[in-house]
């Protein structure tokens, strides 16, 4: 059987199916495995925009202020996130330094920047010019955001250093802790289907393929 029009793939069994309109609190389920396919669109942009703005402020604070201070024999040393990545690079651990810089600074910055680029104009009733590229970039870089892994490793290190030095958590550390929840809430409330639904490509434009791709992405 040949299917026409947009299709959606089940995340559990990969069965391709044609989406149908839902009402109220109905949930579309796969006809083969009963897995959840999608729910009705919530086109309210206030919530994802609020979470994204909060996450952006926390991200700036986390990078502007020291993460931790160490006091040993009367001497205090503070470390920022960028300084940590740079120290790893200078101490001949270049691959690790680049990885920390990329996954904890570059990826969250790109992610939050792209979300603001999409949400602010759409909330004001305008469609951003580079909407298709921004949505695709968000979906591509999302797996590379590892801020939570960095925080977990940092907390383990601080516990071990507590036996050798006086550890003073900085504003950056608290901001990073709050950033984990804010960015998780922003990503969870950001629905690419809502963004694509507000996009009107030019007739015959290449972005119709992107719209179909978005319909298969949760």
Foldseek 3Di string as FASTA:
>chain_A
DDDDDFWAAAPPPRDTDDDDDDDDFDFDADPPPRHTQDTHDDLDLVQLVVLLVLLVVLLCQLQVKFFKWWAAPNDIDTHGQLRVLVVCCVVVNPVVSVLSCCQAPVLVVLLSVLVCQQRVQVVVVHGHPCLLVSVVVNVVSVVSRDLVVVLVVVVVVVVVCVVRTPMGGMSSNVSSVVSVVSVVSSVVPDQVLSSLVSDDDDVVDPCVVVNSVSSHPD
